[in-house]
Amino acid sequence: MSLIDFNKYEIVVGLEVHAQLLTKSKLFCG
């Protein structure tokens, strides 16, 4: 795995985690 591929993967994972946190906070806050 090259460094560029790792960076892309890290960005995708970061976005997914961020989206999950947003949806969870929306559910908790209503």
Protein backbone atom coordinates (compact mmCIF):
# COMPACT_ATOMS: atom_id res chain seq x y z
CA MET A 1 0.00 0.00 0.00
CA SER A 2 1.42 3.36 -1.02
CA LEU A 3 1.28 6.48 1.12
CA ILE A 4 -1.24 8.08 -1.25
CA ASP A 5 -3.61 5.10 -0.97
CA PHE A 6 -3.32 5.26 2.81
CA ASN A 7 -4.18 8.96 2.79
CA LYS A 8 -7.28 8.33 0.64
CA TYR A 9 -8.35 5.52 2.97
CA GLU A 10 -7.82 7.71 6.03
CA ILE A 11 -9.93 10.50 4.51
CA VAL A 12 -12.78 8.11 3.66
CA VAL A 13 -12.74 6.57 7.15
CA GLY A 14 -12.60 10.02 8.72
CA LEU A 15 -15.62 11.15 6.72
CA GLU A 16 -17.60 8.03 7.64
CA VAL A 17 -16.80 8.42 11.34
CA HIS A 18 -17.72 12.10 11.15
CA ALA A 19 -21.03 11.25 9.48
CA GLN A 20 -21.81 8.63 12.13
CA LEU A 21 -21.07 11.12 14.90
CA LEU A 22 -23.36 13.68 13.24
CA THR A 23 -26.24 11.22 12.91
CA LYS A 24 -25.77 10.03 16.50
CA SER A 25 -25.76 13.59 17.84
CA LYS A 26 -28.90 14.35 15.81
CA LEU A 27 -30.63 11.28 17.27
CA PHE A 28 -29.65 12.22 20.83
CA CYS A 29 -30.52 15.90 20.47
CA GLY A 30 -33.69 15.18 18.52
